[in-house]
C-alpha cells in the first residue's frame, strides 16, 4: 500500500534589521514564497517578506543565498 503524503511544513523568519533588499532570496525560492515588502526598514531598504507558508518545504535555498544572514529556516 502506498500513501501520498504532503510534507510541506517549513517556516522562515526574516530579520528586517539585517535585510538590505538585495532580492537574492526571492530568486532562490523555488516556490516563489518570498516577495519584497512595500514598506521600508529603518535603513530605508525594502525588505523581503515570507508569504504563503503552507507551501514551504524548508529547502534552505533562501537562507544560503542571503549574504547578510537575515533568514532563519525552520522545519
N, C-alpha and C. Protein backbone atom coordinates (compact mmCIF):
# COMPACT_ATOMS: atom_id res chain seq x y z
N UNK A 1 0.83 -1.16 0.00
CA UNK A 1 0.00 0.00 0.00
C UNK A 1 0.89 1.25 0.00
N UNK A 2 0.54 2.25 -0.82
CA UNK A 2 1.30 3.49 -0.90
C UNK A 2 0.41 4.65 -0.51
N UNK A 3 0.99 5.60 0.17
CA UNK A 3 0.25 6.78 0.59
C UNK A 3 0.95 8.02 0.03
N UNK A 4 0.18 8.95 -0.45
CA UNK A 4 0.70 10.22 -0.93
C UNK A 4 0.60 11.22 0.21
N UNK A 5 1.73 11.55 0.84
CA UNK A 5 1.73 12.43 1.99
C UNK A 5 2.41 13.74 1.61
N UNK A 6 1.75 14.85 1.87
CA UNK A 6 2.30 16.16 1.60
C UNK A 6 3.09 16.61 2.83
N UNK A 7 4.42 16.76 2.70
CA UNK A 7 5.28 17.03 3.84
C UNK A 7 5.65 18.51 3.96
N UNK A 8 5.06 19.36 3.18
CA UNK A 8 5.42 20.77 3.22
C UNK A 8 5.03 21.38 4.56
N UNK A 9 6.02 21.88 5.29
CA UNK A 9 5.72 22.48 6.58
C UNK A 9 6.86 23.37 7.07
N UNK A 10 7.58 23.96 6.18
CA UNK A 10 8.68 24.82 6.58
C UNK A 10 8.21 26.21 6.98
N UNK A 11 9.12 26.92 7.61
CA UNK A 11 8.83 28.28 8.02
C UNK A 11 10.14 29.06 7.99
N UNK A 12 10.09 30.28 7.49
CA UNK A 12 11.28 31.12 7.54
C UNK A 12 10.97 32.40 8.29
N UNK A 13 11.99 32.92 8.94
CA UNK A 13 11.87 34.20 9.63
C UNK A 13 12.95 35.11 9.06
N UNK A 14 12.53 36.28 8.61
CA UNK A 14 13.45 37.25 8.02
C UNK A 14 13.68 38.38 9.01
N UNK A 15 14.93 38.59 9.36
CA UNK A 15 15.31 39.67 10.26
C UNK A 15 15.36 40.97 9.44
N UNK A 16 14.36 41.81 9.59
CA UNK A 16 14.25 43.02 8.78
C UNK A 16 15.37 44.01 9.06
N UNK A 17 15.99 43.95 10.22
CA UNK A 17 17.09 44.85 10.51
C UNK A 17 18.35 44.48 9.74
N UNK A 18 18.48 43.23 9.37
CA UNK A 18 19.65 42.78 8.62
C UNK A 18 19.42 42.81 7.10
N UNK A 19 18.18 42.71 6.66
CA UNK A 19 17.87 42.62 5.24
C UNK A 19 18.15 43.95 4.54
N UNK A 20 18.90 43.90 3.43
CA UNK A 20 19.19 45.11 2.67
C UNK A 20 18.44 45.15 1.34
N UNK A 21 17.55 44.20 1.12
CA UNK A 21 16.70 44.21 -0.06
C UNK A 21 17.38 43.81 -1.35
N UNK A 22 18.34 42.92 -1.29
CA UNK A 22 19.07 42.52 -2.50
C UNK A 22 18.26 41.62 -3.43
N UNK A 23 17.20 41.00 -2.91
CA UNK A 23 16.28 40.13 -3.65
C UNK A 23 16.88 38.79 -4.08
N UNK A 24 18.03 38.42 -3.57
CA UNK A 24 18.60 37.11 -3.92
C UNK A 24 17.73 35.97 -3.41
N UNK A 25 17.12 36.15 -2.25
CA UNK A 25 16.25 35.11 -1.69
C UNK A 25 14.98 34.95 -2.53
N UNK A 26 14.49 36.04 -3.09
CA UNK A 26 13.29 35.98 -3.93
C UNK A 26 13.54 35.09 -5.13
N UNK A 27 14.70 35.26 -5.75
CA UNK A 27 15.06 34.45 -6.92
C UNK A 27 15.39 33.01 -6.54
N UNK A 28 15.89 32.79 -5.33
CA UNK A 28 16.31 31.45 -4.91
C UNK A 28 15.16 30.54 -4.54
N UNK A 29 14.04 31.09 -4.11
CA UNK A 29 12.91 30.26 -3.65
C UNK A 29 12.24 29.57 -4.84
N UNK A 30 12.27 28.23 -4.86
CA UNK A 30 11.68 27.51 -5.99
C UNK A 30 10.15 27.59 -6.04
N UNK A 31 9.52 28.02 -4.95
CA UNK A 31 8.07 28.09 -4.91
C UNK A 31 7.54 29.51 -4.94
N UNK A 32 8.42 30.49 -5.00
CA UNK A 32 8.00 31.89 -5.07
C UNK A 32 7.32 32.38 -3.81
N UNK A 33 7.82 31.95 -2.65
CA UNK A 33 7.18 32.27 -1.39
C UNK A 33 7.75 33.50 -0.69
N UNK A 34 8.70 34.15 -1.33
CA UNK A 34 9.30 35.36 -0.76
C UNK A 34 9.09 36.49 -1.76
N UNK A 35 8.65 37.62 -1.26
CA UNK A 35 8.49 38.79 -2.11
C UNK A 35 8.98 40.02 -1.35
N UNK A 36 9.15 41.09 -2.07
CA UNK A 36 9.65 42.31 -1.45
C UNK A 36 8.49 43.11 -0.86
N UNK A 37 8.72 43.66 0.32
CA UNK A 37 7.72 44.43 1.03
C UNK A 37 7.62 45.83 0.42
N UNK A 38 6.45 46.44 0.51
CA UNK A 38 6.30 47.82 0.07
C UNK A 38 6.79 48.78 1.15
N UNK A 39 6.85 48.31 2.38
CA UNK A 39 7.35 49.12 3.49
C UNK A 39 8.87 49.03 3.55
N UNK A 40 9.49 50.00 4.20
CA UNK A 40 10.94 50.01 4.33
C UNK A 40 11.34 49.83 5.79
N UNK A 41 12.56 49.30 6.01
CA UNK A 41 13.06 49.18 7.37
C UNK A 41 13.69 50.51 7.79
N UNK A 42 14.27 50.57 8.97
CA UNK A 42 14.81 51.84 9.46
C UNK A 42 16.05 52.31 8.71
N UNK A 43 16.62 51.45 7.85
CA UNK A 43 17.73 51.85 6.99
C UNK A 43 17.24 52.38 5.64
N UNK A 44 15.93 52.23 5.38
CA UNK A 44 15.36 52.70 4.12
C UNK A 44 15.30 51.65 3.02
N UNK A 45 15.54 50.38 3.36
CA UNK A 45 15.51 49.30 2.38
C UNK A 45 14.13 48.63 2.36
N UNK A 46 13.68 48.27 1.17
CA UNK A 46 12.51 47.41 1.05
C UNK A 46 12.98 46.00 1.40
N UNK A 47 12.39 45.40 2.40
CA UNK A 47 12.85 44.10 2.87
C UNK A 47 12.04 42.96 2.28
N UNK A 48 12.60 41.78 2.36
CA UNK A 48 11.91 40.58 1.90
C UNK A 48 10.86 40.18 2.94
N UNK A 49 9.79 39.54 2.46
CA UNK A 49 8.78 39.02 3.38
C UNK A 49 8.32 37.66 2.90
N UNK A 50 7.99 36.83 3.85
CA UNK A 50 7.57 35.44 3.61
C UNK A 50 6.07 35.41 3.41
N UNK A 51 5.63 34.80 2.32
CA UNK A 51 4.20 34.70 2.03
C UNK A 51 3.81 33.25 1.80
N UNK A 52 2.60 32.88 2.16
CA UNK A 52 2.05 31.55 1.91
C UNK A 52 2.94 30.44 2.47
N UNK A 53 3.10 30.41 3.77
CA UNK A 53 3.95 29.44 4.43
C UNK A 53 3.55 28.00 4.28
N UNK A 54 2.34 27.73 3.84
CA UNK A 54 1.88 26.34 3.70
C UNK A 54 2.61 25.59 2.59
N UNK A 55 3.25 26.31 1.69
CA UNK A 55 3.94 25.67 0.58
C UNK A 55 5.43 25.49 0.82
N UNK A 56 5.97 26.05 1.88
CA UNK A 56 7.41 26.00 2.15
C UNK A 56 7.85 24.58 2.54
N UNK A 57 8.95 24.14 1.93
CA UNK A 57 9.49 22.81 2.23
C UNK A 57 10.75 22.88 3.09
N UNK A 58 11.14 24.08 3.50
CA UNK A 58 12.36 24.30 4.28
C UNK A 58 13.60 23.82 3.53
N UNK A 59 13.65 24.11 2.25
CA UNK A 59 14.79 23.69 1.42
C UNK A 59 16.07 24.48 1.76
N UNK A 60 15.92 25.64 2.38
CA UNK A 60 17.02 26.50 2.83
C UNK A 60 17.77 27.21 1.72
N UNK A 61 17.25 27.20 0.50
CA UNK A 61 17.91 27.92 -0.59
C UNK A 61 17.95 29.42 -0.29
N UNK A 62 16.88 29.95 0.26
CA UNK A 62 16.83 31.39 0.56
C UNK A 62 17.89 31.77 1.59
N UNK A 63 18.01 30.97 2.63
CA UNK A 63 18.99 31.24 3.67
C UNK A 63 20.42 31.12 3.18
N UNK A 64 20.67 30.18 2.27
CA UNK A 64 22.00 30.01 1.72
C UNK A 64 22.39 31.17 0.81
N UNK A 65 21.42 31.77 0.15
CA UNK A 65 21.70 32.86 -0.77
C UNK A 65 21.85 34.21 -0.08
N UNK A 66 21.31 34.35 1.10
CA UNK A 66 21.31 35.64 1.79
C UNK A 66 22.74 36.01 2.25
N UNK A 67 23.30 37.09 1.70
CA UNK A 67 24.67 37.47 2.07
C UNK A 67 24.74 38.10 3.47
N UNK A 68 23.60 38.48 4.02
CA UNK A 68 23.58 39.16 5.32
C UNK A 68 23.07 38.28 6.47
N UNK A 69 22.87 37.00 6.19
CA UNK A 69 22.39 36.05 7.20
C UNK A 69 21.12 36.54 7.90
N UNK A 70 20.20 37.08 7.09
CA UNK A 70 18.96 37.65 7.62
C UNK A 70 17.82 36.65 7.66
N UNK A 71 18.04 35.43 7.17
CA UNK A 71 16.96 34.45 7.05
C UNK A 71 17.26 33.20 7.89
N UNK A 72 16.34 32.85 8.76
CA UNK A 72 16.41 31.61 9.51
C UNK A 72 15.32 30.68 8.99
N UNK A 73 15.69 29.44 8.70
CA UNK A 73 14.75 28.46 8.15
C UNK A 73 14.48 27.39 9.20
N UNK A 74 13.19 27.10 9.40
CA UNK A 74 12.77 26.09 10.37
C UNK A 74 11.91 25.03 9.70
N UNK A 75 12.01 23.82 10.17
CA UNK A 75 11.18 22.73 9.66
C UNK A 75 10.17 22.35 10.71
